[in-house]
């Protein structure tokens, strides 16, 4: 048999539907957040029909609905990631409880507490993740600065007439890493770094070698500190200090040593250092935007324009290099988003592909509530 509702019940159904429709309007049309909100419609309708106080200010169901909608909007990125699945699963648990447990205001008070605890956990995880990524970028930047300084000091001491290629060039690269590590750990004014520079001068022929045994020991010790095995550092020292008149005394072949050392060193860091430059922009608007970014401490949020693979999303400028182009954009979970430089962000601000935004979107319930109450009633 068909069940006919009274006028008052019809009004309640219409108001709840209008409220949920207004909340859904702030979400992506085909997104999972909107689907979750739709799942909450049935238990809310049931409560609204049973509880005359549903539309009164401060009702627990209203509080839960607002928090639920904001959580779905802010924490779900439709990325099919494990993090997304975790948020969706947690919100589904709330929906299931609302559907299957007896409908009452006390239930929604309990659901609010459950959701608040979960969101606080997400915030803590986000803060920890952000701290880890920022510290990693800071460490990388310090290492890059040390490498650039070490490379500069090596270049100042090299003999221009000596070719840079071959095994000797690879040894120089390895020793440059030793200088960089010592600089990073102890500083340029330290005794340890001064000792390394003396060895550098001796290796480059800029200082006489009074004790070849001590020099060889210093070379081997330095190479071992950047992770080179004892045997390999000894072979390199043997090759370097062996007499040209007695090639057999050099032990392993130059080709064999060069292949192993090249494999260990990988690509030269020059390309990485080059990517860290970027302040020389020619567009005056980009230069101005870049200057404005650098005048403020990191922490501002920006909305990045939608692409074919990603919708509009807010990202936090959590860190940028004081003297370079690197920067770190994080999502709300504290995870990195795309490899972008600070000048590229400035460029996006100029073209309108990025714009500043608030750290938090305003609560979605108040405007939805006003839209529900202000809309004209159907005749």
Protein backbone atom coordinates (compact mmCIF):
# COMPACT_ATOMS: atom_id res chain seq x y z
CA UNK A 1 0.00 0.00 0.00
CA UNK A 2 1.16 3.55 -0.73
CA UNK A 3 2.02 5.66 2.32
CA UNK A 4 0.90 9.26 2.11
CA UNK A 5 2.80 11.83 4.16
CA UNK A 6 1.24 14.87 5.70
CA UNK A 7 2.09 18.41 4.67
CA UNK A 8 4.41 18.86 7.66
CA UNK A 9 6.31 15.69 6.81
CA UNK A 10 6.57 16.76 3.19
CA UNK A 11 8.08 20.05 4.33
CA UNK A 12 10.62 18.22 6.49
CA UNK A 13 11.66 15.97 3.62
CA UNK A 14 12.00 18.95 1.31
CA UNK A 15 14.07 20.96 3.80
CA UNK A 16 16.49 18.10 4.49
CA UNK A 17 16.85 17.38 0.78
CA UNK A 18 17.47 21.06 0.09
CA UNK A 19 20.09 21.22 2.87
CA UNK A 20 21.98 18.22 1.55
CA UNK A 21 21.75 19.49 -2.02
CA UNK A 22 23.26 22.81 -0.98
CA UNK A 23 26.12 21.05 0.85
CA UNK A 24 26.75 18.82 -2.15
CA UNK A 25 26.99 21.90 -4.37
CA UNK A 26 30.33 22.76 -2.74
CA UNK A 27 31.76 19.39 -3.77
CA UNK A 28 32.86 17.97 -7.10
CA UNK A 29 29.88 16.56 -9.02
CA UNK A 30 31.24 13.04 -9.49
CA UNK A 31 33.47 12.97 -6.41
CA UNK A 32 33.41 10.44 -3.61
CA UNK A 33 32.73 13.15 -1.04
CA UNK A 34 29.37 13.89 -2.61
CA UNK A 35 28.51 10.19 -2.72
CA UNK A 36 29.25 9.87 1.00
CA UNK A 37 27.02 12.81 1.77
CA UNK A 38 24.22 11.16 -0.23
CA UNK A 39 24.60 8.02 1.90
CA UNK A 40 23.86 10.13 4.99
CA UNK A 41 20.56 11.40 3.60
CA UNK A 42 18.35 8.48 4.66
CA UNK A 43 19.35 8.41 8.37
CA UNK A 44 19.05 12.20 8.55
CA UNK A 45 15.56 12.12 7.03
CA UNK A 46 14.55 9.44 9.48
CA UNK A 47 15.82 11.50 12.42
CA UNK A 48 14.24 14.72 11.16
CA UNK A 49 10.84 13.02 10.89
CA UNK A 50 11.15 11.53 14.38
CA UNK A 51 12.78 14.42 16.28
CA UNK A 52 10.93 17.80 16.29
CA UNK A 53 14.12 19.51 17.50
CA UNK A 54 16.14 18.55 14.41
CA UNK A 55 15.93 22.06 12.93
CA UNK A 56 16.64 23.86 16.20
CA UNK A 57 20.03 25.52 16.64
CA UNK A 58 22.64 23.35 18.27
CA UNK A 59 21.08 19.98 17.47
CA UNK A 60 23.81 17.26 17.47
CA UNK A 61 22.80 16.06 14.01
CA UNK A 62 23.46 19.51 12.56
CA UNK A 63 26.93 19.59 14.11
CA UNK A 64 27.75 16.15 12.77
CA UNK A 65 26.44 16.99 9.31
CA UNK A 66 28.63 20.10 9.09
CA UNK A 67 31.77 18.32 10.32
CA UNK A 68 31.06 15.33 8.08
CA UNK A 69 30.62 17.51 4.99
CA UNK A 70 33.78 19.52 5.72
CA UNK A 71 35.83 16.36 6.32
CA UNK A 72 34.64 14.78 3.08
CA UNK A 73 35.31 17.99 1.14
CA UNK A 74 38.76 18.70 2.62
CA UNK A 75 40.33 15.28 3.13
CA UNK A 76 39.18 13.28 0.09
CA UNK A 77 41.13 14.04 -3.08
CA UNK A 78 39.65 11.36 -5.36
CA UNK A 79 43.16 10.11 -5.97
CA UNK A 80 42.42 6.43 -5.35
CA UNK A 81 45.24 6.52 -2.81
CA UNK A 82 45.50 4.56 0.41
CA UNK A 83 45.00 7.81 2.33
CA UNK A 84 41.74 8.49 0.45
CA UNK A 85 40.53 4.97 1.12
CA UNK A 86 41.26 5.42 4.81
CA UNK A 87 39.16 8.59 5.06
CA UNK A 88 36.33 7.08 3.02
CA UNK A 89 36.34 3.98 5.21
CA UNK A 90 36.18 6.03 8.41
CA UNK A 91 33.26 8.12 7.11
CA UNK A 92 31.47 4.99 5.90
CA UNK A 93 31.64 3.63 9.45
CA UNK A 94 29.81 6.72 10.68
CA UNK A 95 27.17 6.35 7.98
CA UNK A 96 26.66 2.68 8.83
CA UNK A 97 26.16 3.50 12.49
CA UNK A 98 23.68 6.24 11.59
CA UNK A 99 21.76 3.78 9.39
CA UNK A 100 21.66 0.74 11.65
CA UNK A 101 21.64 2.10 15.19
CA UNK A 102 18.49 3.56 16.81
CA UNK A 103 17.98 7.09 15.53
CA UNK A 104 18.34 9.64 18.35
CA UNK A 105 20.18 12.83 19.20
CA UNK A 106 22.45 10.88 21.56
CA UNK A 107 23.66 8.74 18.65
CA UNK A 108 24.74 11.83 16.72
CA UNK A 109 26.55 13.16 19.78
CA UNK A 110 28.52 9.92 19.90
CA UNK A 111 29.19 10.03 16.15
CA UNK A 112 30.46 13.61 16.52
CA UNK A 113 32.95 12.50 19.17
CA UNK A 114 34.11 9.62 16.97
CA UNK A 115 34.59 11.91 13.98
CA UNK A 116 36.38 14.61 16.01
CA UNK A 117 38.85 12.02 17.34
CA UNK A 118 39.52 10.70 13.84
CA UNK A 119 40.08 14.17 12.38
CA UNK A 120 42.44 15.07 15.23
CA UNK A 121 44.43 11.94 14.38
CA UNK A 122 44.57 12.98 10.71
CA UNK A 123 45.84 16.42 11.71
CA UNK A 124 48.60 14.93 13.89
CA UNK A 125 49.72 12.62 11.09
CA UNK A 126 49.68 15.53 8.65
CA UNK A 127 51.85 17.67 10.92
CA UNK A 128 54.36 14.85 11.42
CA UNK A 129 54.53 14.17 7.68
CA UNK A 130 55.04 17.86 6.94
CA UNK A 131 57.84 18.09 9.49
CA UNK A 132 59.61 15.07 7.98
CA UNK A 133 59.41 16.43 4.44
CA UNK A 134 60.53 19.93 5.44
CA UNK A 135 63.50 18.54 7.38
CA UNK A 136 64.43 16.37 4.41
CA UNK A 137 64.33 19.35 2.06
CA UNK A 138 66.35 21.46 4.49
CA UNK A 139 68.96 18.72 4.72
CA UNK A 140 69.05 18.35 0.94
CA UNK A 141 69.47 22.10 0.54
CA UNK A 142 72.32 22.23 3.07
CA UNK A 143 74.01 19.34 1.29
CA UNK A 144 73.62 21.04 -2.09
CA UNK A 145 75.10 24.28 -0.74
CA UNK A 146 78.01 22.31 0.71
CA UNK A 147 78.53 20.53 -2.61
CA UNK A 148 78.58 23.79 -4.51
CA UNK A 149 81.09 25.29 -2.09
CA UNK A 150 83.26 22.16 -2.25
CA UNK A 151 83.16 22.18 -6.05
CA UNK A 152 84.21 25.85 -6.01
CA UNK A 153 87.15 25.13 -3.72
CA UNK A 154 88.23 22.19 -5.88
CA UNK A 155 88.01 24.30 -9.05
CA UNK A 156 90.19 27.00 -7.47
CA UNK A 157 92.91 24.43 -6.77
CA UNK A 158 92.87 22.38 -9.96
CA UNK A 159 95.67 22.61 -12.48
CA UNK A 160 94.09 24.00 -15.69
CA UNK A 161 96.52 21.99 -17.75
CA UNK A 162 95.44 18.70 -16.25
CA UNK A 163 92.51 16.95 -17.99
CA UNK A 164 89.42 16.37 -15.85
CA UNK A 165 88.41 13.05 -17.39
CA UNK A 166 89.37 9.48 -16.58
CA UNK A 167 89.95 7.98 -13.19
CA UNK A 168 91.63 11.09 -11.82
CA UNK A 169 88.53 13.13 -12.60
CA UNK A 170 86.36 10.60 -10.77
CA UNK A 171 88.70 10.71 -7.77
CA UNK A 172 88.39 14.49 -7.73
CA UNK A 173 84.61 14.15 -7.72
CA UNK A 174 84.77 11.69 -4.84
CA UNK A 175 87.08 13.99 -2.89
CA UNK A 176 84.74 16.91 -3.58
CA UNK A 177 82.02 14.86 -1.86
CA UNK A 178 84.40 14.36 1.09
CA UNK A 179 84.87 18.12 1.33
CA UNK A 180 81.10 18.68 1.13
CA UNK A 181 80.39 16.15 3.90
CA UNK A 182 83.07 17.65 6.15
CA UNK A 183 81.74 21.14 5.48
CA UNK A 184 78.22 19.99 6.28
CA UNK A 185 79.19 18.30 9.53
CA UNK A 186 81.83 20.65 10.92
CA UNK A 187 81.62 23.99 9.09
CA UNK A 188 84.11 25.85 6.94
CA UNK A 189 86.04 27.33 9.89
CA UNK A 190 86.56 23.99 11.61
CA UNK A 191 89.88 22.23 12.13
CA UNK A 192 88.52 19.14 10.37
CA UNK A 193 87.72 21.12 7.24
CA UNK A 194 91.09 22.87 7.31
CA UNK A 195 92.78 19.46 7.39
CA UNK A 196 90.74 18.34 4.39
CA UNK A 197 91.76 21.49 2.50
CA UNK A 198 95.42 20.76 3.17
CA UNK A 199 94.95 17.29 1.65
CA UNK A 200 93.11 18.92 -1.26
CA UNK A 201 96.02 21.29 -1.89
CA UNK A 202 98.46 18.38 -1.81
CA UNK A 203 96.36 16.26 -4.15
CA UNK A 204 96.10 19.17 -6.59
CA UNK A 205 99.83 19.95 -6.42
CA UNK A 206 99.32 23.31 -4.74
CA UNK A 207 101.19 22.30 -1.57
CA UNK A 208 104.30 20.11 -1.18
CA UNK A 209 103.83 16.62 0.26
CA UNK A 210 106.07 16.19 3.28
CA UNK A 211 104.59 12.86 4.41
CA UNK A 212 103.13 10.73 1.65
CA UNK A 213 101.99 8.07 4.12
CA UNK A 214 99.94 10.62 6.08
CA UNK A 215 98.48 11.99 2.86
CA UNK A 216 97.50 8.55 1.67
CA UNK A 217 95.94 7.76 5.04
CA UNK A 218 93.97 11.02 4.96
CA UNK A 219 92.75 10.27 1.45
CA UNK A 220 91.62 6.76 2.35
CA UNK A 221 89.91 7.92 5.56
CA UNK A 222 88.02 10.66 3.74
CA UNK A 223 86.82 8.34 0.99
CA UNK A 224 85.65 5.81 3.57
CA UNK A 225 83.60 8.51 5.31
CA UNK A 226 81.48 8.96 2.16
CA UNK A 227 80.72 5.23 2.16
CA UNK A 228 83.56 3.80 0.10
CA UNK A 229 84.71 0.33 1.23
CA UNK A 230 88.16 0.07 2.81
CA UNK A 231 89.52 -2.12 0.01
CA UNK A 232 88.29 0.21 -2.71
CA UNK A 233 89.69 3.34 -1.07
CA UNK A 234 93.04 1.58 -0.66
CA UNK A 235 93.07 0.61 -4.34
CA UNK A 236 92.38 4.18 -5.40
CA UNK A 237 95.13 5.51 -3.14
CA UNK A 238 97.49 2.88 -4.50
CA UNK A 239 96.67 3.93 -8.08
CA UNK A 240 97.06 7.62 -7.25
CA UNK A 241 100.40 7.35 -5.48
CA UNK A 242 102.00 4.61 -7.54
CA UNK A 243 105.05 5.53 -9.59
CA UNK A 244 104.40 6.29 -13.25
CA UNK A 245 107.62 4.46 -13.97
CA UNK A 246 106.16 1.24 -12.61
CA UNK A 247 102.59 0.86 -13.93
CA UNK A 248 102.38 -2.67 -12.53
CA UNK A 249 102.51 -1.26 -9.02
CA UNK A 250 99.16 0.38 -9.56
CA UNK A 251 97.30 -2.89 -9.01
CA UNK A 252 93.81 -3.09 -10.57
CA UNK A 253 93.42 -1.64 -14.04
CA UNK A 254 92.40 1.95 -14.53
CA UNK A 255 89.31 0.81 -16.43
CA UNK A 256 88.20 -1.53 -13.64
CA UNK A 257 88.61 1.14 -10.96
CA UNK A 258 86.95 3.81 -13.09
CA UNK A 259 83.89 1.64 -13.74
CA UNK A 260 83.45 0.85 -10.05
CA UNK A 261 83.95 4.45 -8.97
CA UNK A 262 81.62 5.80 -11.66
CA UNK A 263 78.94 3.34 -10.59
CA UNK A 264 79.38 4.39 -6.96
CA UNK A 265 79.28 8.14 -7.67
CA UNK A 266 76.44 8.02 -10.18
CA UNK A 267 75.64 11.18 -12.08
CA UNK A 268 77.44 14.37 -11.24
CA UNK A 269 75.46 16.72 -9.01
CA UNK A 270 75.90 19.59 -11.46
CA UNK A 271 72.52 18.96 -13.09
CA UNK A 272 70.87 18.95 -9.69
CA UNK A 273 72.57 22.20 -8.78
CA UNK A 274 71.52 23.76 -12.05
CA UNK A 275 67.89 22.93 -11.33
CA UNK A 276 68.21 24.85 -8.09
CA UNK A 277 68.79 28.12 -9.92
CA UNK A 278 65.85 30.06 -11.18
CA UNK A 279 65.72 33.60 -9.84
CA UNK A 280 66.93 35.07 -13.13
CA UNK A 281 63.44 35.46 -14.58
CA UNK A 282 63.11 37.96 -17.40
CA UNK A 283 59.40 38.74 -16.98
CA UNK A 284 59.19 41.67 -14.51
CA UNK A 285 55.79 40.45 -13.27
CA UNK A 286 57.25 37.05 -12.41
CA UNK A 287 60.24 38.69 -10.71
CA UNK A 288 57.89 40.79 -8.59
CA UNK A 289 55.74 37.78 -7.68
CA UNK A 290 58.88 35.84 -6.79
CA UNK A 291 60.13 38.67 -4.62
CA UNK A 292 56.79 38.80 -2.81
CA UNK A 293 56.95 35.06 -2.17
CA UNK A 294 60.45 35.39 -0.71
CA UNK A 295 59.48 38.29 1.54
CA UNK A 296 57.13 36.08 3.55
CA UNK A 297 57.94 33.02 5.63
CA UNK A 298 56.75 29.69 4.28
CA UNK A 299 53.29 28.56 5.33
CA UNK A 300 50.92 30.27 2.88
CA UNK A 301 48.32 28.26 0.98
CA UNK A 302 47.59 28.42 -2.74
CA UNK A 303 44.91 27.01 -4.98
CA UNK A 304 46.35 25.45 -8.11
CA UNK A 305 44.24 25.39 -11.26
CA UNK A 306 42.69 22.15 -12.42
CA UNK A 307 44.47 19.98 -14.98
CA UNK A 308 43.38 16.95 -16.97
CA UNK A 309 44.66 14.67 -14.22
CA UNK A 310 43.82 16.73 -11.11
CA UNK A 311 41.05 19.07 -9.96
CA UNK A 312 41.60 22.39 -8.24
CA UNK A 313 43.35 21.72 -4.94
CA UNK A 314 44.77 23.79 -2.10
CA UNK A 315 48.49 23.34 -1.48
CA UNK A 316 50.70 24.68 1.30
CA UNK A 317 54.04 26.29 0.53
CA UNK A 318 55.71 24.56 3.48
CA UNK A 319 59.32 25.43 2.62
CA UNK A 320 61.49 27.14 0.04
CA UNK A 321 65.26 27.36 -0.39
CA UNK A 322 66.67 30.64 0.96
CA UNK A 323 69.11 30.99 -1.94
CA UNK A 324 67.72 28.71 -4.62
CA UNK A 325 64.66 27.74 -6.60
CA UNK A 326 63.51 24.66 -4.73
CA UNK A 327 60.27 24.73 -2.82
CA UNK A 328 57.95 22.23 -1.18
CA UNK A 329 54.20 22.22 -1.82
CA UNK A 330 52.20 19.87 0.38
CA UNK A 331 48.59 18.74 0.40
CA UNK A 332 46.48 18.75 3.54
CA UNK A 333 47.90 15.37 4.54
CA UNK A 334 51.44 16.77 4.56
CA UNK A 335 52.44 14.90 1.39
CA UNK A 336 54.40 16.50 -1.48
CA UNK A 337 52.56 17.57 -4.61
CA UNK A 338 54.42 17.66 -7.89
CA UNK A 339 57.99 18.82 -8.45
CA UNK A 340 57.65 22.59 -8.78
CA UNK A 341 60.14 25.40 -8.21
CA UNK A 342 59.49 28.72 -6.53
CA UNK A 343 59.89 30.66 -9.81
CA UNK A 344 57.40 28.28 -11.42
CA UNK A 345 54.94 29.01 -8.63
CA UNK A 346 55.50 32.74 -9.21
CA UNK A 347 54.83 32.17 -12.91
CA UNK A 348 51.56 30.39 -12.09
CA UNK A 349 50.51 33.28 -9.85
CA UNK A 350 51.10 35.71 -12.72
CA UNK A 351 49.17 33.61 -15.25
CA UNK A 352 46.31 32.90 -12.86
CA UNK A 353 47.04 29.17 -12.64
CA UNK A 354 47.59 29.67 -8.91
CA UNK A 355 46.09 32.06 -6.40
CA UNK A 356 46.45 32.60 -2.65
CA UNK A 357 43.78 31.01 -0.50
CA UNK A 358 42.93 30.59 3.16
CA UNK A 359 44.51 27.76 5.11
CA UNK A 360 41.03 26.48 5.87
CA UNK A 361 37.87 26.70 3.85
CA UNK A 362 34.97 28.18 5.83
CA UNK A 363 32.48 25.70 7.32
CA UNK A 364 30.06 24.56 4.66
CA UNK A 365 26.99 24.18 6.89
CA UNK A 366 26.09 27.86 7.62
CA UNK A 367 25.71 28.91 3.94
CA UNK A 368 23.89 25.65 3.20
CA UNK A 369 21.54 26.31 6.10
CA UNK A 370 20.85 29.82 4.86
CA UNK A 371 20.18 28.51 1.36
CA UNK A 372 17.72 26.01 2.80
CA UNK A 373 15.80 28.56 4.84
CA UNK A 374 15.92 31.38 2.30
CA UNK A 375 14.75 29.37 -0.71
CA UNK A 376 11.08 29.89 -1.58
CA UNK A 377 8.72 27.07 -0.60
CA UNK A 378 7.19 25.06 -3.40
CA UNK A 379 3.46 25.78 -3.79
